[in-house]
Amino acid sequence: MRRYQRLGYRVAFCGDATTDIKAARIADAVFAAKKLWTFCRNTGLPGRRLKNFSGVTQLLSRPS
């Protein structure tokens, strides 16, 4: 992720487990489900709840 960010890209990450926390902290946009969503809410880590991928595709289709 950091490589793409250094190249000027914004990086979105989708995850659902506590093993995804490190990546979620690095990403520019986080879509979280299950345990990762609970972590985001409890710690204030910005993220959107991942119910399906329509929100992800909407974000990716927007001009940067």
PDB file of N, CA and C in Angstrom:
ATOM      1  N   MET A   1       0.805  -1.186   0.000  1.00  0.00           N
ATOM      2  CA  MET A   1       0.000   0.000   0.000  1.00  0.00           C
ATOM      3  C   MET A   1       0.851   1.254   0.000  1.00  0.00           C
ATOM      4  N   ARG A   2       1.841   1.274   0.837  1.00  0.00           N
ATOM      5  CA  ARG A   2       2.656   2.497   0.937  1.00  0.00           C
ATOM      6  C   ARG A   2       3.364   2.801  -0.373  1.00  0.00           C
ATOM      7  N   ARG A   3       3.744   1.769  -1.093  1.00  0.00           N
ATOM      8  CA  ARG A   3       4.388   1.987  -2.392  1.00  0.00           C
ATOM      9  C   ARG A   3       3.452   2.748  -3.324  1.00  0.00           C
ATOM     10  N   TYR A   4       2.199   2.323  -3.388  1.00  0.00           N
ATOM     11  CA  TYR A   4       1.237   3.007  -4.253  1.00  0.00           C
ATOM     12  C   TYR A   4       0.936   4.414  -3.745  1.00  0.00           C
ATOM     13  N   GLN A   5       0.891   4.589  -2.452  1.00  0.00           N
ATOM     14  CA  GLN A   5       0.677   5.926  -1.905  1.00  0.00           C
ATOM     15  C   GLN A   5       1.838   6.851  -2.263  1.00  0.00           C
ATOM     16  N   ARG A   6       3.061   6.339  -2.205  1.00  0.00           N
ATOM     17  CA  ARG A   6       4.223   7.154  -2.590  1.00  0.00           C
ATOM     18  C   ARG A   6       4.169   7.539  -4.064  1.00  0.00           C
ATOM     19  N   LEU A   7       3.516   6.711  -4.873  1.00  0.00           N
ATOM     20  CA  LEU A   7       3.369   7.009  -6.297  1.00  0.00           C
ATOM     21  C   LEU A   7       2.208   7.966  -6.569  1.00  0.00           C
ATOM     22  N   GLY A   8       1.499   8.359  -5.506  1.00  0.00           N
ATOM     23  CA  GLY A   8       0.424   9.329  -5.650  1.00  0.00           C
ATOM     24  C   GLY A   8      -0.974   8.746  -5.688  1.00  0.00           C
ATOM     25  N   TYR A   9      -1.094   7.439  -5.517  1.00  0.00           N
ATOM     26  CA  TYR A   9      -2.418   6.807  -5.519  1.00  0.00           C
ATOM     27  C   TYR A   9      -3.047   6.886  -4.135  1.00  0.00           C
ATOM     28  N   ARG A  10      -4.371   6.971  -4.106  1.00  0.00           N
ATOM     29  CA  ARG A  10      -5.113   6.808  -2.853  1.00  0.00           C
ATOM     30  C   ARG A  10      -5.490   5.341  -2.767  1.00  0.00           C
ATOM     31  N   VAL A  11      -5.332   4.742  -1.597  1.00  0.00           N
ATOM     32  CA  VAL A  11      -5.530   3.309  -1.430  1.00  0.00           C
ATOM     33  C   VAL A  11      -6.742   3.034  -0.549  1.00  0.00           C
ATOM     34  N   ALA A  12      -7.645   2.201  -1.059  1.00  0.00           N
ATOM     35  CA  ALA A  12      -8.798   1.743  -0.285  1.00  0.00           C
ATOM     36  C   ALA A  12      -8.517   0.321   0.184  1.00  0.00           C
ATOM     37  N   PHE A  13      -8.986  -0.001   1.388  1.00  0.00           N
ATOM     38  CA  PHE A  13      -8.782  -1.333   1.950  1.00  0.00           C
ATOM     39  C   PHE A  13     -10.099  -1.873   2.474  1.00  0.00           C
ATOM     40  N   CYS A  14     -10.366  -3.138   2.194  1.00  0.00           N
ATOM     41  CA  CYS A  14     -11.545  -3.837   2.711  1.00  0.00           C
ATOM     42  C   CYS A  14     -11.064  -4.964   3.609  1.00  0.00           C
ATOM     43  N   GLY A  15     -11.641  -5.053   4.800  1.00  0.00           N
ATOM     44  CA  GLY A  15     -11.238  -6.119   5.712  1.00  0.00           C
ATOM     45  C   GLY A  15     -12.324  -6.431   6.713  1.00  0.00           C
ATOM     46  N   ASP A  16     -12.141  -7.567   7.402  1.00  0.00           N
ATOM     47  CA  ASP A  16     -13.164  -7.971   8.364  1.00  0.00           C
ATOM     48  C   ASP A  16     -12.601  -8.587   9.645  1.00  0.00           C
ATOM     49  N   ALA A  17     -11.297  -8.583   9.807  1.00  0.00           N
ATOM     50  CA  ALA A  17     -10.710  -9.260  10.966  1.00  0.00           C
ATOM     51  C   ALA A  17      -9.687  -8.368  11.663  1.00  0.00           C
ATOM     52  N   THR A  18      -9.327  -8.763  12.867  1.00  0.00           N
ATOM     53  CA  THR A  18      -8.325  -7.998  13.600  1.00  0.00           C
ATOM     54  C   THR A  18      -6.957  -8.091  12.931  1.00  0.00           C
ATOM     55  N   THR A  19      -6.733  -9.104  12.118  1.00  0.00           N
ATOM     56  CA  THR A  19      -5.468  -9.202  11.385  1.00  0.00           C
ATOM     57  C   THR A  19      -5.361  -8.133  10.305  1.00  0.00           C
ATOM     58  N   ASP A  20      -6.445  -7.427  10.024  1.00  0.00           N
ATOM     59  CA  ASP A  20      -6.462  -6.371   9.011  1.00  0.00           C
ATOM     60  C   ASP A  20      -6.189  -4.980   9.584  1.00  0.00           C
ATOM     61  N   ILE A  21      -5.979  -4.875  10.878  1.00  0.00           N
ATOM     62  CA  ILE A  21      -5.835  -3.570  11.529  1.00  0.00           C
ATOM     63  C   ILE A  21      -4.646  -2.785  10.987  1.00  0.00           C
ATOM     64  N   LYS A  22      -3.505  -3.428  10.824  1.00  0.00           N
ATOM     65  CA  LYS A  22      -2.314  -2.710  10.346  1.00  0.00           C
ATOM     66  C   LYS A  22      -2.572  -2.083   8.984  1.00  0.00           C
ATOM     67  N   ALA A  23      -3.150  -2.838   8.073  1.00  0.00           N
ATOM     68  CA  ALA A  23      -3.453  -2.310   6.739  1.00  0.00           C
ATOM     69  C   ALA A  23      -4.499  -1.205   6.821  1.00  0.00           C
ATOM     70  N   ALA A  24      -5.483  -1.369   7.689  1.00  0.00           N
ATOM     71  CA  ALA A  24      -6.531  -0.357   7.829  1.00  0.00           C
ATOM     72  C   ALA A  24      -5.960   0.970   8.324  1.00  0.00           C
ATOM     73  N   ARG A  25      -4.962   0.909   9.168  1.00  0.00           N
ATOM     74  CA  ARG A  25      -4.342   2.142   9.675  1.00  0.00           C
ATOM     75  C   ARG A  25      -3.557   2.877   8.596  1.00  0.00           C
ATOM     76  N   ILE A  26      -3.090   2.153   7.591  1.00  0.00           N
ATOM     77  CA  ILE A  26      -2.288   2.749   6.523  1.00  0.00           C
ATOM     78  C   ILE A  26      -3.161   3.286   5.393  1.00  0.00           C
ATOM     79  N   ALA A  27      -4.266   2.621   5.117  1.00  0.00           N
ATOM     80  CA  ALA A  27      -5.103   2.935   3.953  1.00  0.00           C
ATOM     81  C   ALA A  27      -5.698   4.340   4.031  1.00  0.00           C
ATOM     82  N   ASP A  28      -5.983   4.891   2.866  1.00  0.00           N
ATOM     83  CA  ASP A  28      -6.630   6.196   2.781  1.00  0.00           C
ATOM     84  C   ASP A  28      -8.132   6.090   3.021  1.00  0.00           C
ATOM     85  N   ALA A  29      -8.713   4.961   2.662  1.00  0.00           N
ATOM     86  CA  ALA A  29     -10.138   4.707   2.879  1.00  0.00           C
ATOM     87  C   ALA A  29     -10.293   3.270   3.357  1.00  0.00           C
ATOM     88  N   VAL A  30     -11.101   3.078   4.398  1.00  0.00           N
ATOM     89  CA  VAL A  30     -11.287   1.751   4.981  1.00  0.00           C
ATOM     90  C   VAL A  30     -12.754   1.357   4.897  1.00  0.00           C
ATOM     91  N   PHE A  31     -12.986   0.155   4.420  1.00  0.00           N
ATOM     92  CA  PHE A  31     -14.306  -0.462   4.421  1.00  0.00           C
ATOM     93  C   PHE A  31     -14.192  -1.679   5.320  1.00  0.00           C
ATOM     94  N   ALA A  32     -14.924  -1.666   6.433  1.00  0.00           N
ATOM     95  CA  ALA A  32     -14.726  -2.682   7.460  1.00  0.00           C
ATOM     96  C   ALA A  32     -16.006  -3.440   7.773  1.00  0.00           C
ATOM     97  N   ALA A  33     -15.838  -4.711   8.082  1.00  0.00           N
ATOM     98  CA  ALA A  33     -16.936  -5.575   8.508  1.00  0.00           C
ATOM     99  C   ALA A  33     -16.482  -6.338   9.750  1.00  0.00           C
ATOM    100  N   LYS A  34     -17.423  -6.922  10.413  1.00  0.00           N
ATOM    101  CA  LYS A  34     -17.194  -7.817  11.552  1.00  0.00           C
ATOM    102  C   LYS A  34     -16.233  -7.220  12.580  1.00  0.00           C
ATOM    103  N   LYS A  35     -15.184  -7.960  12.930  1.00  0.00           N
ATOM    104  CA  LYS A  35     -14.278  -7.532  14.002  1.00  0.00           C
ATOM    105  C   LYS A  35     -13.516  -6.252  13.669  1.00  0.00           C
ATOM    106  N   LEU A  36     -13.191  -6.051  12.406  1.00  0.00           N
ATOM    107  CA  LEU A  36     -12.499  -4.809  12.042  1.00  0.00           C
ATOM    108  C   LEU A  36     -13.426  -3.617  12.217  1.00  0.00           C
ATOM    109  N   TRP A  37     -14.691  -3.759  11.891  1.00  0.00           N
ATOM    110  CA  TRP A  37     -15.651  -2.667  12.085  1.00  0.00           C
ATOM    111  C   TRP A  37     -15.777  -2.331  13.571  1.00  0.00           C
ATOM    112  N   THR A  38     -15.839  -3.340  14.413  1.00  0.00           N
ATOM    113  CA  THR A  38     -15.906  -3.115  15.859  1.00  0.00           C
ATOM    114  C   THR A  38     -14.659  -2.373  16.333  1.00  0.00           C
ATOM    115  N   PHE A  39     -13.502  -2.770  15.851  1.00  0.00           N
ATOM    116  CA  PHE A  39     -12.255  -2.093  16.211  1.00  0.00           C
ATOM    117  C   PHE A  39     -12.293  -0.630  15.784  1.00  0.00           C
ATOM    118  N   CYS A  40     -12.731  -0.372  14.568  1.00  0.00           N
ATOM    119  CA  CYS A  40     -12.804   1.011  14.075  1.00  0.00           C
ATOM    120  C   CYS A  40     -13.710   1.860  14.959  1.00  0.00           C
ATOM    121  N   ARG A  41     -14.867   1.336  15.294  1.00  0.00           N
ATOM    122  CA  ARG A  41     -15.802   2.090  16.147  1.00  0.00           C
ATOM    123  C   ARG A  41     -15.222   2.336  17.525  1.00  0.00           C
ATOM    124  N   ASN A  42     -14.583   1.324  18.105  1.00  0.00           N
ATOM    125  CA  ASN A  42     -14.078   1.440  19.472  1.00  0.00           C
ATOM    126  C   ASN A  42     -12.843   2.326  19.592  1.00  0.00           C
ATOM    127  N   THR A  43     -12.084   2.461  18.526  1.00  0.00           N
ATOM    128  CA  THR A  43     -10.833   3.221  18.596  1.00  0.00           C
ATOM    129  C   THR A  43     -10.892   4.551  17.859  1.00  0.00           C
ATOM    130  N   GLY A  44     -11.962   4.790  17.118  1.00  0.00           N
ATOM    131  CA  GLY A  44     -12.065   6.025  16.361  1.00  0.00           C
ATOM    132  C   GLY A  44     -11.339   5.990  15.030  1.00  0.00           C
ATOM    133  N   LEU A  45     -10.880   4.822  14.613  1.00  0.00           N
ATOM    134  CA  LEU A  45     -10.241   4.707  13.302  1.00  0.00           C
ATOM    135  C   LEU A  45     -11.297   4.970  12.235  1.00  0.00           C
ATOM    136  N   PRO A  46     -11.066   5.946  11.359  1.00  0.00           N
ATOM    137  CA  PRO A  46     -12.074   6.264  10.346  1.00  0.00           C
ATOM    138  C   PRO A  46     -12.308   5.084   9.411  1.00  0.00           C
ATOM    139  N   GLY A  47     -13.556   4.821   9.151  1.00  0.00           N
ATOM    140  CA  GLY A  47     -13.897   3.738   8.236  1.00  0.00           C
ATOM    141  C   GLY A  47     -15.375   3.731   7.936  1.00  0.00           C
ATOM    142  N   ARG A  48     -15.710   3.061   6.877  1.00  0.00           N
ATOM    143  CA  ARG A  48     -17.111   2.882   6.487  1.00  0.00           C
ATOM    144  C   ARG A  48     -17.471   1.427   6.703  1.00  0.00           C
ATOM    145  N   ARG A  49     -18.703   1.198   7.095  1.00  0.00           N
ATOM    146  CA  ARG A  49     -19.137  -0.177   7.303  1.00  0.00           C
ATOM    147  C   ARG A  49     -19.287  -0.870   5.958  1.00  0.00           C
ATOM    148  N   LEU A  50     -18.703  -2.046   5.848  1.00  0.00           N
ATOM    149  CA  LEU A  50     -18.761  -2.830   4.620  1.00  0.00           C
ATOM    150  C   LEU A  50     -19.924  -3.806   4.717  1.00  0.00           C
ATOM    151  N   LYS A  51     -20.990  -3.503   3.987  1.00  0.00           N
ATOM    152  CA  LYS A  51     -22.140  -4.406   3.909  1.00  0.00           C
ATOM    153  C   LYS A  51     -22.116  -5.157   2.588  1.00  0.00           C
ATOM    154  N   ASN A  52     -21.741  -4.441   1.544  1.00  0.00           N
ATOM    155  CA  ASN A  52     -21.546  -5.013   0.212  1.00  0.00           C
ATOM    156  C   ASN A  52     -20.535  -4.112  -0.491  1.00  0.00           C
ATOM    157  N   PHE A  53     -20.238  -4.409  -1.723  1.00  0.00           N
ATOM    158  CA  PHE A  53     -19.177  -3.658  -2.385  1.00  0.00           C
ATOM    159  C   PHE A  53     -19.672  -2.457  -3.178  1.00  0.00           C
ATOM    160  N   SER A  54     -20.942  -2.101  -3.052  1.00  0.00           N
ATOM    161  CA  SER A  54     -21.437  -0.942  -3.802  1.00  0.00           C
ATOM    162  C   SER A  54     -20.771   0.351  -3.326  1.00  0.00           C
ATOM    163  N   GLY A  55     -20.541   0.495  -2.035  1.00  0.00           N
ATOM    164  CA  GLY A  55     -19.856   1.686  -1.526  1.00  0.00           C
ATOM    165  C   GLY A  55     -18.419   1.774  -2.008  1.00  0.00           C
ATOM    166  N   VAL A  56     -17.786   0.632  -2.124  1.00  0.00           N
ATOM    167  CA  VAL A  56     -16.406   0.594  -2.606  1.00  0.00           C
ATOM    168  C   VAL A  56     -16.358   1.026  -4.065  1.00  0.00           C
ATOM    169  N   THR A  57     -17.244   0.479  -4.881  1.00  0.00           N
ATOM    170  CA  THR A  57     -17.243   0.833  -6.304  1.00  0.00           C
ATOM    171  C   THR A  57     -17.611   2.298  -6.504  1.00  0.00           C
ATOM    172  N   GLN A  58     -18.495   2.841  -5.669  1.00  0.00           N
ATOM    173  CA  GLN A  58     -18.834   4.266  -5.765  1.00  0.00           C
ATOM    174  C   GLN A  58     -17.610   5.128  -5.465  1.00  0.00           C
ATOM    175  N   LEU A  59     -16.875   4.771  -4.432  1.00  0.00           N
ATOM    176  CA  LEU A  59     -15.677   5.532  -4.075  1.00  0.00           C
ATOM    177  C   LEU A  59     -14.640   5.459  -5.195  1.00  0.00           C
ATOM    178  N   LEU A  60     -14.443   4.286  -5.743  1.00  0.00           N
ATOM    179  CA  LEU A  60     -13.422   4.119  -6.773  1.00  0.00           C
ATOM    180  C   LEU A  60     -13.802   4.769  -8.093  1.00  0.00           C
ATOM    181  N   SER A  61     -15.088   4.969  -8.325  1.00  0.00           N
ATOM    182  CA  SER A  61     -15.506   5.575  -9.591  1.00  0.00           C
ATOM    183  C   SER A  61     -15.464   7.102  -9.558  1.00  0.00           C
ATOM    184  N   ARG A  62     -15.285   7.686  -8.364  1.00  0.00           N
ATOM    185  CA  ARG A  62     -15.192   9.146  -8.245  1.00  0.00           C
ATOM    186  C   ARG A  62     -13.830   9.633  -8.716  1.00  0.00           C
ATOM    187  N   PRO A  63     -13.809  10.796  -9.358  1.00  0.00           N
ATOM    188  CA  PRO A  63     -12.498  11.376  -9.702  1.00  0.00           C
ATOM    189  C   PRO A  63     -11.749  11.744  -8.426  1.00  0.00           C
ATOM    190  N   SER A  64     -10.447  11.625  -8.449  1.00  0.00           N
ATOM    191  CA  SER A  64      -9.668  11.927  -7.232  1.00  0.00           C
ATOM    192  C   SER A  64      -9.362  13.389  -7.080  1.00  0.00           C
TER     193      SER A  64
END
